Amino acid sequence: MPIKIQNSLPAAKILDSENIFVMTEDRAVTQDIRPLKIIILNLMPTKIDTETQLLRLLGNSPLQVDIELLQTVTHVSKNTSLTHLTTFYKTFDEIKDQNYDGMIITGAPVEQMDFEEVDYWQELCSIMEWSKRNVYSTLHICWGAQAALYYHYGIPKYPLPEKLSGIFRHRILDVFHPLMRGFDDRFLIPHSRYTEVRREDVQKHDNLIVLATSRIAGVAIVASKSGRQFFVTGHAEYDRNTLANEYFRDVNKGLHPHVPQNYFPGDDPAALPPLTWRSHANLLYTNWLNYYVYQQTPYDLKTLQDIN
C-alpha cells in the first residue's frame, strides 16, 4: 500500500527516485475505494490446489478482493469433481456481460500440443478477446502466458530439449517498473514446462517490455506498456511440494524425469524442499493488485475501455 505524505515533503522526491510508491495528499483525498473484482480462469487439472495457491497470494494484502472462479465448458475435468465445479465455478456465458478489475489465467499441462489442438482453444480465445474490453488488467501464468502471447501478438512457443523443472534465479531488466518494486536484484521463481517463448520474438513488439529473465529459464516476466496485460512464464504461486508432486507423478508414469533443479537439498527426492521463492511471489501479486488493479482501474467498471 502507498504511504500518504504532504505534497511538499522533501522525502517525496527521494522516495520516488527509489521506486517507492508515494501518494500525495491531493491524490489521496480524491480516491474512491471499493472491493476489487478478480476472476480466475483455472485451467490446471488440480484445481483445488491451484485455487489455494492463488488465493493465498491474493489474500496477502490489505485490499478487499472479491474472487470468482471460471471454468471452460469445452473441456471435461478428470481431476476435479463435478460437484465442486458446479458449486464454485461459473461459465463464460454466466459472466461475459460483467466487468472485472483483474483476471488471472492459469497454466495448463498442454504445452506440448499446438495451441489449436487444445480442445478448449476456441473458447479460450473468446475469453482472451473478451478480457481486452471487460477486464482492466490480466495476469497470465505459464502456458496461459504463452497462449496469450500467441493469441494477442502472434508470438510462437518453441519446444525445449527436455522438461524445464526447478527453481531458477532471475534478474530484473527494469528495476523502476512498478511490478518490480521491492524485488531484489536477483530472485527465484519455480518453472515447470516443456516449451518456451524467446526474447527476440517479444522484443519485436513495441507494446511489450521484458521485465525479468533467467540464464537457464529464459524470458520470465513480460508486461504490456499499458499495464493491462502481464505474462509470467513460471509458477510463482507454487507451494513447497508442487514440483515434488509433479516429479513423483512423472516417475510413477514411467517418464524417467530429471530431478527438479535447485529444489531438493542435495538433489535427494526424499529431502524436504525449502521454500526459497515465497517472498517474491507475494511481492509479484501484491504489486500487481496494488499498482495495476487498485491504483489504475476506474471506480465505475462500466467505463472500462478496450485494451486497444
C-alpha atoms as a PDB file:
ATOM      1  CA  MET A   1       0.000   0.000   0.000  1.00  0.00           C
ATOM      2  CA  PRO A   2       1.191   3.561  -0.592  1.00  0.00           C
ATOM      3  CA  ILE A   3       2.349   5.936   2.089  1.00  0.00           C
ATOM      4  CA  LYS A   4       0.474   9.239   2.194  1.00  0.00           C
ATOM      5  CA  ILE A   5       2.562  12.339   2.865  1.00  0.00           C
ATOM      6  CA  GLN A   6       2.306  16.086   2.464  1.00  0.00           C
ATOM      7  CA  ASN A   7       2.721  17.301  -1.107  1.00  0.00           C
ATOM      8  CA  SER A   8       5.880  19.325  -0.467  1.00  0.00           C
ATOM      9  CA  LEU A   9       7.753  16.972   1.888  1.00  0.00           C
ATOM     10  CA  PRO A  10      11.377  16.759   0.572  1.00  0.00           C
ATOM     11  CA  ALA A  11      11.467  12.993   1.068  1.00  0.00           C
ATOM     12  CA  ALA A  12       8.832  12.598  -1.644  1.00  0.00           C
ATOM     13  CA  LYS A  13      11.303  13.143  -4.497  1.00  0.00           C
ATOM     14  CA  ILE A  14      13.913  10.854  -2.934  1.00  0.00           C
ATOM     15  CA  LEU A  15      11.412   8.047  -2.361  1.00  0.00           C
ATOM     16  CA  ASP A  16      10.025   8.421  -5.850  1.00  0.00           C
ATOM     17  CA  SER A  17      13.551   8.103  -7.299  1.00  0.00           C
ATOM     18  CA  GLU A  18      13.953   4.859  -5.322  1.00  0.00           C
ATOM     19  CA  ASN A  19      10.764   3.444  -6.848  1.00  0.00           C
ATOM     20  CA  ILE A  20       8.828   3.731  -3.562  1.00  0.00           C
ATOM     21  CA  PHE A  21       5.146   4.441  -4.131  1.00  0.00           C
ATOM     22  CA  VAL A  22       4.183   7.742  -2.504  1.00  0.00           C
ATOM     23  CA  MET A  23       0.688   9.158  -2.570  1.00  0.00           C
ATOM     24  CA  THR A  24       0.401  12.903  -2.030  1.00  0.00           C
ATOM     25  CA  GLU A  25      -2.476  14.433  -0.104  1.00  0.00           C
ATOM     26  CA  ASP A  26      -4.065  15.761  -3.286  1.00  0.00           C
ATOM     27  CA  ARG A  27      -4.350  12.288  -4.770  1.00  0.00           C
ATOM     28  CA  ALA A  28      -5.432  10.624  -1.541  1.00  0.00           C
ATOM     29  CA  VAL A  29      -8.460  12.844  -0.986  1.00  0.00           C
ATOM     30  CA  THR A  30      -9.785  12.143  -4.494  1.00  0.00           C
ATOM     31  CA  GLN A  31      -9.640   8.343  -4.293  1.00  0.00           C
ATOM     32  CA  ASP A  32     -12.821   6.305  -4.289  1.00  0.00           C
ATOM     33  CA  ILE A  33     -12.431   2.883  -2.655  1.00  0.00           C
ATOM     34  CA  ARG A  34     -14.420  -0.307  -3.207  1.00  0.00           C
ATOM     35  CA  PRO A  35     -13.688  -4.058  -3.219  1.00  0.00           C
ATOM     36  CA  LEU A  36     -11.724  -5.305  -6.213  1.00  0.00           C
ATOM     37  CA  LYS A  37     -13.385  -7.834  -8.508  1.00  0.00           C
ATOM     38  CA  ILE A  38     -10.951 -10.548  -9.638  1.00  0.00           C
ATOM     39  CA  ILE A  39     -11.871 -13.533 -11.790  1.00  0.00           C
ATOM     40  CA  ILE A  40      -9.615 -16.605 -12.079  1.00  0.00           C
ATOM     41  CA  LEU A  41      -9.801 -18.824 -15.150  1.00  0.00           C
ATOM     42  CA  ASN A  42      -8.425 -22.045 -13.693  1.00  0.00           C
ATOM     43  CA  LEU A  43      -7.121 -24.357 -16.421  1.00  0.00           C
ATOM     44  CA  MET A  44      -4.993 -26.536 -14.139  1.00  0.00           C
ATOM     45  CA  PRO A  45      -6.076 -30.159 -13.593  1.00  0.00           C
ATOM     46  CA  THR A  46      -5.511 -29.952  -9.828  1.00  0.00           C
ATOM     47  CA  LYS A  47      -7.968 -27.091  -9.477  1.00  0.00           C
ATOM     48  CA  ILE A  48      -8.320 -27.094  -5.695  1.00  0.00           C
ATOM     49  CA  ASP A  49      -4.533 -26.920  -5.229  1.00  0.00           C
ATOM     50  CA  THR A  50      -4.301 -24.044  -7.708  1.00  0.00           C
ATOM     51  CA  GLU A  51      -7.214 -22.206  -6.084  1.00  0.00           C
ATOM     52  CA  THR A  52      -5.484 -22.452  -2.725  1.00  0.00           C
ATOM     53  CA  GLN A  53      -2.126 -21.276  -4.057  1.00  0.00           C
ATOM     54  CA  LEU A  54      -3.551 -18.223  -5.816  1.00  0.00           C
ATOM     55  CA  LEU A  55      -5.920 -17.249  -3.014  1.00  0.00           C
ATOM     56  CA  ARG A  56      -3.039 -17.469  -0.533  1.00  0.00           C
ATOM     57  CA  LEU A  57      -1.188 -14.804  -2.545  1.00  0.00           C
ATOM     58  CA  LEU A  58      -4.194 -12.632  -3.348  1.00  0.00           C
ATOM     59  CA  GLY A  59      -5.195 -12.684   0.305  1.00  0.00           C
ATOM     60  CA  ASN A  60      -1.825 -11.388   1.496  1.00  0.00           C
ATOM     61  CA  SER A  61      -2.877  -7.774   1.030  1.00  0.00           C
ATOM     62  CA  PRO A  62      -4.848  -5.155   2.987  1.00  0.00           C
ATOM     63  CA  LEU A  63      -7.093  -4.769  -0.068  1.00  0.00           C
ATOM     64  CA  GLN A  64     -10.530  -6.357  -0.103  1.00  0.00           C
ATOM     65  CA  VAL A  65     -10.667  -8.681  -3.085  1.00  0.00           C
ATOM     66  CA  ASP A  66     -13.841 -10.388  -4.277  1.00  0.00           C
ATOM     67  CA  ILE A  67     -12.927 -13.608  -6.131  1.00  0.00           C
ATOM     68  CA  GLU A  68     -14.893 -15.506  -8.755  1.00  0.00           C
ATOM     69  CA  LEU A  69     -13.751 -18.768 -10.363  1.00  0.00           C
ATOM     70  CA  LEU A  70     -14.214 -19.533 -14.057  1.00  0.00           C
ATOM     71  CA  GLN A  71     -14.066 -22.845 -15.927  1.00  0.00           C
ATOM     72  CA  THR A  72     -14.208 -23.802 -19.581  1.00  0.00           C
ATOM     73  CA  VAL A  73     -17.243 -25.793 -20.716  1.00  0.00           C
ATOM     74  CA  THR A  74     -15.499 -27.311 -23.743  1.00  0.00           C
ATOM     75  CA  HIS A  75     -13.238 -29.440 -21.558  1.00  0.00           C
ATOM     76  CA  VAL A  76     -14.303 -32.065 -19.030  1.00  0.00           C
ATOM     77  CA  SER A  77     -12.091 -32.049 -15.943  1.00  0.00           C
ATOM     78  CA  LYS A  78     -10.888 -35.515 -14.933  1.00  0.00           C
ATOM     79  CA  ASN A  79      -9.304 -34.498 -11.638  1.00  0.00           C
ATOM     80  CA  THR A  80     -11.942 -32.274 -10.024  1.00  0.00           C
ATOM     81  CA  SER A  81     -15.430 -33.401  -9.054  1.00  0.00           C
ATOM     82  CA  LEU A  82     -18.432 -32.106 -10.958  1.00  0.00           C
ATOM     83  CA  THR A  83     -19.946 -31.079  -7.628  1.00  0.00           C
ATOM     84  CA  HIS A  84     -17.002 -28.812  -6.859  1.00  0.00           C
ATOM     85  CA  LEU A  85     -17.120 -27.252 -10.322  1.00  0.00           C
ATOM     86  CA  THR A  86     -20.861 -26.625 -10.346  1.00  0.00           C
ATOM     87  CA  THR A  87     -20.796 -25.269  -6.797  1.00  0.00           C
ATOM     88  CA  PHE A  88     -17.854 -22.891  -7.035  1.00  0.00           C
ATOM     89  CA  TYR A  89     -17.209 -22.192 -10.727  1.00  0.00           C
ATOM     90  CA  LYS A  90     -19.006 -20.108 -13.315  1.00  0.00           C
ATOM     91  CA  THR A  91     -19.026 -20.463 -17.077  1.00  0.00           C
ATOM     92  CA  PHE A  92     -18.150 -17.784 -19.608  1.00  0.00           C
ATOM     93  CA  ASP A  93     -21.802 -17.381 -20.612  1.00  0.00           C
ATOM     94  CA  GLU A  94     -22.621 -16.532 -16.996  1.00  0.00           C
ATOM     95  CA  ILE A  95     -20.052 -13.724 -16.687  1.00  0.00           C
ATOM     96  CA  LYS A  96     -19.497 -12.390 -20.206  1.00  0.00           C
ATOM     97  CA  ASP A  97     -21.697  -9.338 -19.598  1.00  0.00           C
ATOM     98  CA  GLN A  98     -19.762  -8.337 -16.461  1.00  0.00           C
ATOM     99  CA  ASN A  99     -16.624  -6.242 -15.962  1.00  0.00           C
ATOM    100  CA  TYR A 100     -13.698  -7.025 -13.649  1.00  0.00           C
ATOM    101  CA  ASP A 101     -10.776  -5.130 -12.177  1.00  0.00           C
ATOM    102  CA  GLY A 102      -8.418  -8.040 -12.708  1.00  0.00           C
ATOM    103  CA  MET A 103      -8.197 -11.520 -14.163  1.00  0.00           C
ATOM    104  CA  ILE A 104      -5.778 -14.433 -13.783  1.00  0.00           C
ATOM    105  CA  ILE A 105      -5.468 -17.088 -16.491  1.00  0.00           C
ATOM    106  CA  THR A 106      -3.549 -20.085 -15.157  1.00  0.00           C
ATOM    107  CA  GLY A 107      -1.254 -22.534 -16.833  1.00  0.00           C
ATOM    108  CA  ALA A 108      -2.308 -25.937 -18.166  1.00  0.00           C
ATOM    109  CA  PRO A 109      -0.414 -29.187 -18.893  1.00  0.00           C
ATOM    110  CA  VAL A 110      -0.955 -28.947 -22.658  1.00  0.00           C
ATOM    111  CA  GLU A 111       2.148 -27.082 -23.807  1.00  0.00           C
ATOM    112  CA  GLN A 112       3.386 -29.980 -25.963  1.00  0.00           C
ATOM    113  CA  MET A 113       0.281 -29.629 -28.137  1.00  0.00           C
ATOM    114  CA  ASP A 114      -0.199 -26.977 -30.796  1.00  0.00           C
ATOM    115  CA  PHE A 115      -2.447 -24.252 -29.435  1.00  0.00           C
ATOM    116  CA  GLU A 116      -5.189 -25.012 -31.954  1.00  0.00           C
ATOM    117  CA  GLU A 117      -5.212 -28.699 -30.939  1.00  0.00           C
ATOM    118  CA  VAL A 118      -6.293 -27.925 -27.360  1.00  0.00           C
ATOM    119  CA  ASP A 119      -9.960 -28.843 -27.055  1.00  0.00           C
ATOM    120  CA  TYR A 120     -10.942 -25.552 -25.395  1.00  0.00           C
ATOM    121  CA  TRP A 121      -8.762 -23.301 -27.581  1.00  0.00           C
ATOM    122  CA  GLN A 122     -11.637 -21.501 -29.320  1.00  0.00           C
ATOM    123  CA  GLU A 123     -13.381 -20.894 -26.011  1.00  0.00           C
ATOM    124  CA  LEU A 124     -10.127 -19.581 -24.507  1.00  0.00           C
ATOM    125  CA  CYS A 125      -9.685 -17.250 -27.492  1.00  0.00           C
ATOM    126  CA  SER A 126     -13.173 -15.867 -26.884  1.00  0.00           C
ATOM    127  CA  ILE A 127     -12.331 -15.287 -23.214  1.00  0.00           C
ATOM    128  CA  MET A 128      -8.999 -13.612 -24.030  1.00  0.00           C
ATOM    129  CA  GLU A 129     -10.697 -11.352 -26.572  1.00  0.00           C
ATOM    130  CA  TRP A 130     -13.393 -10.510 -24.019  1.00  0.00           C
ATOM    131  CA  SER A 131     -10.715  -9.669 -21.429  1.00  0.00           C
ATOM    132  CA  LYS A 132      -9.444  -6.813 -23.626  1.00  0.00           C
ATOM    133  CA  ARG A 133     -12.609  -4.804 -23.039  1.00  0.00           C
ATOM    134  CA  ASN A 134     -14.101  -6.292 -19.855  1.00  0.00           C
ATOM    135  CA  VAL A 135     -11.021  -6.608 -17.608  1.00  0.00           C
ATOM    136  CA  TYR A 136      -8.672  -3.813 -16.605  1.00  0.00           C
ATOM    137  CA  SER A 137      -5.520  -5.933 -16.059  1.00  0.00           C
ATOM    138  CA  THR A 138      -4.964  -9.619 -16.809  1.00  0.00           C
ATOM    139  CA  LEU A 139      -2.158 -11.745 -15.359  1.00  0.00           C
ATOM    140  CA  HIS A 140      -1.308 -14.846 -17.424  1.00  0.00           C
ATOM    141  CA  ILE A 141       0.675 -17.775 -15.972  1.00  0.00           C
ATOM    142  CA  CYS A 142       2.968 -20.329 -17.701  1.00  0.00           C
ATOM    143  CA  TRP A 143       1.040 -21.937 -20.600  1.00  0.00           C
ATOM    144  CA  GLY A 144      -1.618 -19.266 -20.109  1.00  0.00           C
ATOM    145  CA  ALA A 145       1.116 -16.677 -20.741  1.00  0.00           C
ATOM    146  CA  GLN A 146       2.320 -18.498 -23.860  1.00  0.00           C
ATOM    147  CA  ALA A 147      -1.250 -18.844 -25.129  1.00  0.00           C
ATOM    148  CA  ALA A 148      -1.959 -15.148 -24.598  1.00  0.00           C
ATOM    149  CA  LEU A 149       1.288 -14.010 -26.238  1.00  0.00           C
ATOM    150  CA  TYR A 150       0.398 -16.185 -29.218  1.00  0.00           C
ATOM    151  CA  TYR A 151      -3.224 -15.044 -29.425  1.00  0.00           C
ATOM    152  CA  HIS A 152      -2.691 -11.324 -28.831  1.00  0.00           C
ATOM    153  CA  TYR A 153       0.701 -10.876 -30.517  1.00  0.00           C
ATOM    154  CA  GLY A 154       1.366 -13.943 -32.680  1.00  0.00           C
ATOM    155  CA  ILE A 155       4.434 -14.883 -30.592  1.00  0.00           C
ATOM    156  CA  PRO A 156       5.203 -18.614 -31.002  1.00  0.00           C
ATOM    157  CA  LYS A 157       6.350 -21.131 -28.436  1.00  0.00           C
ATOM    158  CA  TYR A 158       9.267 -23.466 -29.025  1.00  0.00           C
ATOM    159  CA  PRO A 159       9.825 -26.997 -27.682  1.00  0.00           C
ATOM    160  CA  LEU A 160      12.660 -27.431 -25.206  1.00  0.00           C
ATOM    161  CA  PRO A 161      15.098 -30.369 -25.484  1.00  0.00           C
ATOM    162  CA  GLU A 162      13.734 -31.644 -22.150  1.00  0.00           C
ATOM    163  CA  LYS A 163      11.330 -30.510 -19.495  1.00  0.00           C
ATOM    164  CA  LEU A 164      12.396 -27.398 -17.597  1.00  0.00           C
ATOM    165  CA  SER A 165      11.669 -28.077 -13.949  1.00  0.00           C
ATOM    166  CA  GLY A 166      13.116 -26.467 -10.840  1.00  0.00           C
ATOM    167  CA  ILE A 167      13.786 -23.224  -9.024  1.00  0.00           C
ATOM    168  CA  PHE A 168      15.706 -20.727 -11.154  1.00  0.00           C
ATOM    169  CA  ARG A 169      17.449 -17.432 -10.479  1.00  0.00           C
ATOM    170  CA  HIS A 170      16.216 -14.384 -12.390  1.00  0.00           C
ATOM    171  CA  ARG A 171      17.444 -10.855 -12.903  1.00  0.00           C
ATOM    172  CA  ILE A 172      15.370  -7.708 -13.309  1.00  0.00           C
ATOM    173  CA  LEU A 173      15.759  -5.758 -16.537  1.00  0.00           C
ATOM    174  CA  ASP A 174      13.688  -2.731 -15.480  1.00  0.00           C
ATOM    175  CA  VAL A 175      14.235  -2.001 -11.784  1.00  0.00           C
ATOM    176  CA  PHE A 176      11.919   1.025 -11.894  1.00  0.00           C
ATOM    177  CA  HIS A 177       8.891  -0.789 -13.248  1.00  0.00           C
ATOM    178  CA  PRO A 178       6.117  -0.753 -10.592  1.00  0.00           C
ATOM    179  CA  LEU A 179       5.609  -4.523 -10.843  1.00  0.00           C
ATOM    180  CA  MET A 180       9.222  -4.969  -9.725  1.00  0.00           C
ATOM    181  CA  ARG A 181       9.025  -2.657  -6.704  1.00  0.00           C
ATOM    182  CA  GLY A 182      10.650  -4.209  -3.655  1.00  0.00           C
ATOM    183  CA  PHE A 183      12.291  -7.053  -5.615  1.00  0.00           C
ATOM    184  CA  ASP A 184      15.891  -7.995  -5.004  1.00  0.00           C
ATOM    185  CA  ASP A 185      18.221  -7.673  -7.998  1.00  0.00           C
ATOM    186  CA  ARG A 186      18.165 -11.475  -8.189  1.00  0.00           C
ATOM    187  CA  PHE A 187      15.123 -13.534  -7.257  1.00  0.00           C
ATOM    188  CA  LEU A 188      13.834 -17.097  -7.543  1.00  0.00           C
ATOM    189  CA  ILE A 189      10.731 -18.487  -9.264  1.00  0.00           C
ATOM    190  CA  PRO A 190       9.740 -22.116  -9.984  1.00  0.00           C
ATOM    191  CA  HIS A 191       9.319 -23.249 -13.604  1.00  0.00           C
ATOM    192  CA  SER A 192       7.708 -26.411 -14.906  1.00  0.00           C
ATOM    193  CA  ARG A 193       7.248 -26.585 -18.676  1.00  0.00           C
ATOM    194  CA  TYR A 194       8.281 -28.219 -21.943  1.00  0.00           C
ATOM    195  CA  THR A 195       8.242 -25.087 -24.123  1.00  0.00           C
ATOM    196  CA  GLU A 196       9.499 -21.516 -24.140  1.00  0.00           C
ATOM    197  CA  VAL A 197       8.971 -18.109 -25.696  1.00  0.00           C
ATOM    198  CA  ARG A 198      12.040 -16.263 -26.909  1.00  0.00           C
ATOM    199  CA  ARG A 199      13.143 -12.777 -26.034  1.00  0.00           C
ATOM    200  CA  GLU A 200      13.839 -11.772 -29.627  1.00  0.00           C
ATOM    201  CA  ASP A 201      10.219 -12.527 -30.562  1.00  0.00           C
ATOM    202  CA  VAL A 202       8.860 -10.486 -27.670  1.00  0.00           C
ATOM    203  CA  GLN A 203      11.119  -7.546 -28.497  1.00  0.00           C
ATOM    204  CA  LYS A 204       9.647  -7.275 -31.986  1.00  0.00           C
ATOM    205  CA  HIS A 205       6.560  -5.754 -30.362  1.00  0.00           C
ATOM    206  CA  ASP A 206       6.911  -2.161 -29.208  1.00  0.00           C
ATOM    207  CA  ASN A 207       3.960  -2.588 -26.865  1.00  0.00           C
ATOM    208  CA  LEU A 208       5.735  -5.266 -24.787  1.00  0.00           C
ATOM    209  CA  ILE A 209       8.510  -4.998 -22.181  1.00  0.00           C
ATOM    210  CA  VAL A 210      10.604  -7.894 -20.882  1.00  0.00           C
ATOM    211  CA  LEU A 211      10.871  -7.242 -17.145  1.00  0.00           C
ATOM    212  CA  ALA A 212      12.840 -10.279 -15.976  1.00  0.00           C
ATOM    213  CA  THR A 213      14.848 -13.119 -17.466  1.00  0.00           C
ATOM    214  CA  SER A 214      16.804 -16.174 -16.333  1.00  0.00           C
ATOM    215  CA  ARG A 215      20.027 -17.511 -17.818  1.00  0.00           C
ATOM    216  CA  ILE A 216      18.535 -21.004 -17.785  1.00  0.00           C
ATOM    217  CA  ALA A 217      14.769 -20.471 -17.792  1.00  0.00           C
ATOM    218  CA  GLY A 218      14.783 -17.623 -20.325  1.00  0.00           C
ATOM    219  CA  VAL A 219      12.044 -14.998 -20.509  1.00  0.00           C
ATOM    220  CA  ALA A 220      10.244 -14.908 -17.162  1.00  0.00           C
ATOM    221  CA  ILE A 221       8.046 -11.789 -16.912  1.00  0.00           C
ATOM    222  CA  VAL A 222       6.651  -9.703 -19.775  1.00  0.00           C
ATOM    223  CA  ALA A 223       4.368  -6.672 -19.499  1.00  0.00           C
ATOM    224  CA  SER A 224       2.367  -4.610 -21.920  1.00  0.00           C
ATOM    225  CA  LYS A 225       3.344  -0.953 -21.656  1.00  0.00           C
ATOM    226  CA  SER A 226      -0.216  -0.077 -20.677  1.00  0.00           C
ATOM    227  CA  GLY A 227      -0.147  -2.460 -17.686  1.00  0.00           C
ATOM    228  CA  ARG A 228      -3.299  -4.125 -18.975  1.00  0.00           C
ATOM    229  CA  GLN A 229      -1.536  -7.454 -19.625  1.00  0.00           C
ATOM    230  CA  PHE A 230       1.200  -9.369 -17.783  1.00  0.00           C
ATOM    231  CA  PHE A 231       2.770 -12.674 -18.758  1.00  0.00           C
ATOM    232  CA  VAL A 232       4.672 -14.831 -16.232  1.00  0.00           C
ATOM    233  CA  THR A 233       6.214 -17.949 -17.761  1.00  0.00           C
ATOM    234  CA  GLY A 234       6.917 -19.585 -14.382  1.00  0.00           C
ATOM    235  CA  HIS A 235       4.827 -20.571 -11.384  1.00  0.00           C
ATOM    236  CA  ALA A 236       5.482 -18.094  -8.578  1.00  0.00           C
ATOM    237  CA  GLU A 237       2.281 -19.374  -6.952  1.00  0.00           C
ATOM    238  CA  TYR A 238       3.590 -22.936  -6.456  1.00  0.00           C
ATOM    239  CA  ASP A 239       3.842 -24.086  -2.873  1.00  0.00           C
ATOM    240  CA  ARG A 240       6.638 -26.110  -1.280  1.00  0.00           C
ATOM    241  CA  ASN A 241       5.606 -29.536  -2.574  1.00  0.00           C
ATOM    242  CA  THR A 242       4.139 -28.794  -6.009  1.00  0.00           C
ATOM    243  CA  LEU A 243       7.262 -29.615  -8.016  1.00  0.00           C
ATOM    244  CA  ALA A 244       7.808 -32.711  -5.876  1.00  0.00           C
ATOM    245  CA  ASN A 245       4.269 -33.900  -6.585  1.00  0.00           C
ATOM    246  CA  GLU A 246       4.804 -33.358 -10.312  1.00  0.00           C
ATOM    247  CA  TYR A 247       8.139 -35.181 -10.200  1.00  0.00           C
ATOM    248  CA  PHE A 248       6.743 -38.240  -8.394  1.00  0.00           C
ATOM    249  CA  ARG A 249       3.707 -38.265 -10.707  1.00  0.00           C
ATOM    250  CA  ASP A 250       6.020 -38.444 -13.724  1.00  0.00           C
ATOM    251  CA  VAL A 251       8.136 -41.118 -12.050  1.00  0.00           C
ATOM    252  CA  ASN A 252       5.021 -43.221 -11.468  1.00  0.00           C
ATOM    253  CA  LYS A 253       4.085 -42.788 -15.124  1.00  0.00           C
ATOM    254  CA  GLY A 254       7.460 -44.230 -16.127  1.00  0.00           C
ATOM    255  CA  LEU A 255       8.616 -40.986 -17.760  1.00  0.00           C
ATOM    256  CA  HIS A 256      12.051 -41.025 -16.045  1.00  0.00           C
ATOM    257  CA  PRO A 257      12.077 -37.283 -15.303  1.00  0.00           C
ATOM    258  CA  HIS A 258      15.162 -35.418 -14.174  1.00  0.00           C
ATOM    259  CA  VAL A 259      15.153 -34.277 -10.572  1.00  0.00           C
ATOM    260  CA  PRO A 260      13.932 -30.626 -10.493  1.00  0.00           C
ATOM    261  CA  GLN A 261      16.942 -28.297 -10.477  1.00  0.00           C
ATOM    262  CA  ASN A 262      17.873 -26.344  -7.329  1.00  0.00           C
ATOM    263  CA  TYR A 263      14.914 -27.854  -5.466  1.00  0.00           C
ATOM    264  CA  PHE A 264      15.572 -30.922  -3.314  1.00  0.00           C
ATOM    265  CA  PRO A 265      18.529 -30.478  -0.908  1.00  0.00           C
ATOM    266  CA  GLY A 266      21.423 -32.464  -2.375  1.00  0.00           C
ATOM    267  CA  ASP A 267      19.095 -33.453  -5.265  1.00  0.00           C
ATOM    268  CA  ASP A 268      17.654 -36.047  -2.898  1.00  0.00           C
ATOM    269  CA  PRO A 269      13.929 -36.554  -3.660  1.00  0.00           C
ATOM    270  CA  ALA A 270      13.456 -37.842  -0.116  1.00  0.00           C
ATOM    271  CA  ALA A 271      14.534 -34.487   1.348  1.00  0.00           C
ATOM    272  CA  LEU A 272      12.106 -31.681   2.192  1.00  0.00           C
ATOM    273  CA  PRO A 273      12.407 -28.827  -0.346  1.00  0.00           C
ATOM    274  CA  PRO A 274      12.986 -25.386   1.216  1.00  0.00           C
ATOM    275  CA  LEU A 275      10.665 -22.519   0.289  1.00  0.00           C
ATOM    276  CA  THR A 276      13.008 -20.006  -1.344  1.00  0.00           C
ATOM    277  CA  TRP A 277      10.635 -18.024  -3.600  1.00  0.00           C
ATOM    278  CA  ARG A 278       7.636 -17.176  -1.379  1.00  0.00           C
ATOM    279  CA  SER A 279       8.568 -13.572  -0.534  1.00  0.00           C
ATOM    280  CA  HIS A 280       8.941 -12.594  -4.183  1.00  0.00           C
ATOM    281  CA  ALA A 281       5.763 -14.455  -5.108  1.00  0.00           C
ATOM    282  CA  ASN A 282       3.912 -12.331  -2.568  1.00  0.00           C
ATOM    283  CA  LEU A 283       5.550  -9.184  -3.937  1.00  0.00           C
ATOM    284  CA  LEU A 284       4.606 -10.059  -7.503  1.00  0.00           C
ATOM    285  CA  TYR A 285       0.929 -10.496  -6.705  1.00  0.00           C
ATOM    286  CA  THR A 286       0.569  -7.605  -4.282  1.00  0.00           C
ATOM    287  CA  ASN A 287       2.374  -5.279  -6.702  1.00  0.00           C
ATOM    288  CA  TRP A 288       0.038  -6.342  -9.500  1.00  0.00           C
ATOM    289  CA  LEU A 289      -3.015  -5.891  -7.298  1.00  0.00           C
ATOM    290  CA  ASN A 290      -1.907  -2.516  -5.991  1.00  0.00           C
ATOM    291  CA  TYR A 291      -0.271  -0.748  -8.924  1.00  0.00           C
ATOM    292  CA  TYR A 292      -2.189  -2.209 -11.858  1.00  0.00           C
ATOM    293  CA  VAL A 293      -5.579  -3.047 -10.415  1.00  0.00           C
ATOM    294  CA  TYR A 294      -6.347  -0.944  -7.327  1.00  0.00           C
ATOM    295  CA  GLN A 295      -4.497   2.210  -8.382  1.00  0.00           C
ATOM    296  CA  GLN A 296      -5.457   2.172 -12.066  1.00  0.00           C
ATOM    297  CA  THR A 297      -8.853   0.613 -12.595  1.00  0.00           C
ATOM    298  CA  PRO A 298     -11.812   3.020 -12.904  1.00  0.00           C
ATOM    299  CA  TYR A 299     -14.159   3.197  -9.941  1.00  0.00           C
ATOM    300  CA  ASP A 300     -17.083   2.521 -12.257  1.00  0.00           C
ATOM    301  CA  LEU A 301     -16.174  -0.635 -14.169  1.00  0.00           C
ATOM    302  CA  LYS A 302     -18.816   0.167 -16.781  1.00  0.00           C
ATOM    303  CA  THR A 303     -16.447   2.868 -18.073  1.00  0.00           C
ATOM    304  CA  LEU A 304     -13.696   0.346 -18.981  1.00  0.00           C
ATOM    305  CA  GLN A 305     -12.152   0.999 -22.371  1.00  0.00           C
ATOM    306  CA  ASP A 306     -10.957  -1.627 -24.829  1.00  0.00           C
ATOM    307  CA  ILE A 307      -7.283  -2.500 -24.422  1.00  0.00           C
ATOM    308  CA  ASN A 308      -6.626  -1.241 -27.945  1.00  0.00           C
END
